[in-house]
Every structure is written in C-alpha cells, then in structure tokens.
Amino acid sequence: MIAETVCSAASAAGLGIAVVTAYRKRFLAAARIAAYSLVPVGLVMTGVVGWLADTAFSPTAWAGFGVLGAAWALFAATRAVERRRGSTRADRRAAARGKRRDAVAPTASAPSLGSAARPAAGRPAPSRGTGSGEDFSDIEAILKKHGI
C-alpha cells in the first residue's frame, strides 16, 4: 500500500514538472519527463511485486502495460525528433564550447599592435588643435594605450 502511494506521488510530481517544462516551451524535455514519471505508475499497475499472483488476467496489469507502452512511445518519439533535427546534447555542448573559445572582437587588439599611430583609410586624421587639446592629452594617452 505504501509503495503504491509513493509511486503515485512520484508520478504526480513528475507530471507536474513536465507541465511546467512544457509551459516553458521545452516540449521534448517535457515529453521525456512525462515518460519517466509514468514508469512508476506503470510498474505499480503491472503488479511487479505480486507478479506471480494473477498478473495475466488482471485488467489493471494490462492497463499498466499500456502505460509502459505509452512511456516507451514517448521516449522513441523524442529520440526520433532529436535525430531529425540533428541536435543532441553532445552537439549543443560542443557548440557551446566552440562559442566560448572565440574572441568577442578578434580585431579589437589590432590597434594596440601599432596601427593606432597611423589613421585608417577613410578616416580623417584627428585634428590636434591648440588650447583644449592639452587638457585631454592624458585621456588620449589612455585611449591609445587601450587601442581605442
């Protein structure tokens, strides 16, 4: 009696999590969570503990097999959709690792290598006026140091 209650509660909690996951627009994950959460109820309904008693003629047992079949069908369907999309967890992890290795701005350090001394083509050379230019000389030095 306690085992059935615990399995039913675990299944109800799993189905609740699946609903929340589906609400967040992650339908494949929600279907997989629903499949996992149906397994305990299916095992309870099949009467695994009392398998030899009278499983073969019990309508509850056959309903449990149906629930297990539905869980298996959900697993198979989610795997088929993943294969069709071509994205698996390993692919997403590899893509995430590749993105982390790329520089945010690979040419951002180019001016600090010496091209800051000469103006870029198409840009006019900065005018060095007298008067207020001396006030900003320390700021210009900092900007040049950082390649800006």
Protein backbone atom coordinates (compact mmCIF):
# COMPACT_ATOMS: atom_id res chain seq x y z
CA MET A 1 0.00 0.00 0.00
CA ILE A 2 2.78 2.43 0.87
CA ALA A 3 4.75 1.54 -2.27
CA GLU A 4 1.76 2.35 -4.47
CA THR A 5 1.25 5.66 -2.70
CA VAL A 6 4.91 6.65 -3.04
CA CYS A 7 4.99 5.68 -6.72
CA SER A 8 1.78 7.57 -7.38
CA ALA A 9 3.10 10.67 -5.63
CA ALA A 10 6.37 10.48 -7.54
CA SER A 11 4.47 10.17 -10.81
CA ALA A 12 2.20 13.08 -9.96
CA ALA A 13 5.21 15.23 -9.11
CA GLY A 14 6.94 14.22 -12.33
CA LEU A 15 3.89 15.05 -14.40
CA GLY A 16 3.70 18.44 -12.66
CA ILE A 17 7.31 19.12 -13.55
CA ALA A 18 6.56 18.05 -17.14
CA VAL A 19 3.70 20.54 -17.31
CA VAL A 20 5.94 23.35 -16.06
CA THR A 21 8.62 22.35 -18.56
CA ALA A 22 6.09 22.35 -21.40
CA TYR A 23 4.87 25.78 -20.28
CA ARG A 24 8.45 26.99 -20.75
CA LYS A 25 8.28 25.83 -24.39
CA ARG A 26 10.65 22.88 -23.91
CA PHE A 27 8.34 20.24 -25.32
CA LEU A 28 10.87 17.47 -25.95
CA ALA A 29 12.17 17.68 -22.41
CA ALA A 30 8.59 17.79 -21.09
CA ALA A 31 7.67 14.66 -23.04
CA ARG A 32 10.75 12.88 -21.72
CA ILE A 33 9.96 13.90 -18.12
CA ALA A 34 6.38 12.72 -18.59
CA ALA A 35 7.66 9.37 -19.85
CA TYR A 36 9.92 8.97 -16.82
CA SER A 37 7.13 9.92 -14.46
CA LEU A 38 4.74 7.35 -15.96
CA VAL A 39 7.12 4.45 -15.35
CA PRO A 40 6.48 4.12 -11.56
CA VAL A 41 2.70 4.11 -12.07
CA GLY A 42 3.08 1.57 -14.85
CA LEU A 43 5.18 -0.67 -12.63
CA VAL A 44 2.67 -0.40 -9.80
CA MET A 45 -0.21 -1.12 -12.15
CA THR A 46 1.53 -4.19 -13.57
CA GLY A 47 1.95 -5.54 -10.05
CA VAL A 48 5.65 -6.29 -10.24
CA VAL A 49 5.68 -7.24 -6.54
CA GLY A 50 2.88 -9.74 -6.94
CA TRP A 51 3.83 -10.84 -10.44
CA LEU A 52 3.01 -14.50 -9.94
CA ALA A 53 -0.31 -13.92 -8.17
CA ASP A 54 -2.60 -13.28 -11.12
CA THR A 55 -1.00 -10.78 -13.43
CA ALA A 56 -2.03 -12.38 -16.66
CA PHE A 57 -5.77 -11.92 -16.08
CA SER A 58 -5.73 -8.59 -14.30
CA PRO A 59 -7.15 -5.64 -16.28
CA THR A 60 -5.09 -3.30 -14.09
CA ALA A 61 -1.92 -5.12 -15.13
CA TRP A 62 -2.79 -4.80 -18.80
CA ALA A 63 -3.53 -1.11 -18.27
CA GLY A 64 -0.09 -0.85 -16.67
CA PHE A 65 1.47 -2.44 -19.73
CA GLY A 66 -0.38 0.11 -21.81
CA VAL A 67 1.05 2.93 -19.69
CA LEU A 68 4.55 1.45 -20.05
CA GLY A 69 3.97 1.23 -23.80
CA ALA A 70 2.95 4.89 -23.87
CA ALA A 71 6.09 5.81 -21.95
CA TRP A 72 8.22 3.83 -24.42
CA ALA A 73 6.45 5.51 -27.35
CA LEU A 74 7.22 8.94 -25.86
CA PHE A 75 10.89 8.00 -25.48
CA ALA A 76 11.04 6.78 -29.06
CA ALA A 77 9.25 9.84 -30.42
CA THR A 78 11.52 12.30 -28.64
CA ARG A 79 14.62 10.46 -29.86
CA ALA A 80 13.30 10.43 -33.42
CA VAL A 81 12.62 14.17 -33.30
CA GLU A 82 16.12 14.83 -31.92
CA ARG A 83 17.71 12.76 -34.65
CA ARG A 84 15.64 14.50 -37.28
CA ARG A 85 16.70 17.90 -36.01
CA GLY A 86 20.29 16.74 -35.84
CA SER A 87 20.89 18.27 -32.45
CA THR A 88 21.85 16.16 -29.49
CA ARG A 89 23.19 17.13 -26.12
CA ALA A 90 26.74 16.43 -27.24
CA ASP A 91 26.29 18.66 -30.31
CA ARG A 92 24.93 21.50 -28.19
CA ARG A 93 27.79 21.13 -25.69
CA ALA A 94 30.38 21.15 -28.47
CA ALA A 95 28.79 24.24 -29.99
CA ALA A 96 28.78 25.97 -26.62
CA ARG A 97 32.45 25.13 -26.11
CA GLY A 98 33.26 26.46 -29.59
CA LYS A 99 31.45 29.70 -28.88
CA ARG A 100 33.34 30.20 -25.63
CA ARG A 101 36.70 29.87 -27.36
CA ASP A 102 36.01 32.55 -29.95
CA ALA A 103 37.09 36.06 -29.12
CA VAL A 104 34.38 38.63 -28.72
CA ALA A 105 36.16 41.04 -31.05
CA PRO A 106 39.18 39.33 -32.62
CA THR A 107 40.46 42.53 -34.25
CA ALA A 108 40.00 44.69 -31.18
CA SER A 109 43.64 44.29 -30.20
CA ALA A 110 44.93 45.25 -33.67
CA PRO A 111 45.27 48.98 -32.92
CA SER A 112 47.42 48.23 -29.89
CA LEU A 113 49.88 46.44 -32.18
CA GLY A 114 50.92 49.63 -33.86
CA SER A 115 48.19 50.66 -36.26
CA ALA A 116 46.99 53.37 -33.87
CA ALA A 117 49.87 55.60 -34.93
CA ARG A 118 48.60 55.88 -38.49
CA PRO A 119 44.99 56.78 -39.30
CA ALA A 120 42.81 54.20 -41.01
CA ALA A 121 41.89 54.65 -44.65
CA GLY A 122 38.68 56.57 -45.00
CA ARG A 123 39.02 58.19 -41.60
CA PRO A 124 40.33 61.70 -41.34
CA ALA A 125 43.32 62.17 -39.10
CA PRO A 126 42.35 63.57 -35.72
CA SER A 127 42.93 67.28 -35.61
CA ARG A 128 45.25 68.45 -32.91
CA GLY A 129 44.06 71.89 -32.11
CA THR A 130 45.72 74.14 -29.62
CA GLY A 131 44.14 75.14 -26.40
CA SER A 132 41.75 72.41 -25.18
CA GLY A 133 43.82 69.59 -26.75
CA GLU A 134 46.30 69.79 -23.93
CA ASP A 135 43.54 69.31 -21.39
CA PHE A 136 42.67 65.92 -22.88
CA SER A 137 46.19 64.63 -23.53
CA ASP A 138 46.10 62.23 -20.60
CA ILE A 139 42.74 60.87 -21.75
CA GLU A 140 44.07 60.44 -25.29
CA ALA A 141 47.08 58.57 -23.92
CA ILE A 142 44.82 56.19 -22.02
CA LEU A 143 42.62 55.61 -25.05
CA LYS A 144 45.66 54.97 -27.27
CA LYS A 145 47.02 52.57 -24.68
CA HIS A 146 43.81 50.55 -24.92
CA GLY A 147 43.64 50.79 -28.69
CA ILE A 148 40.58 53.00 -28.86
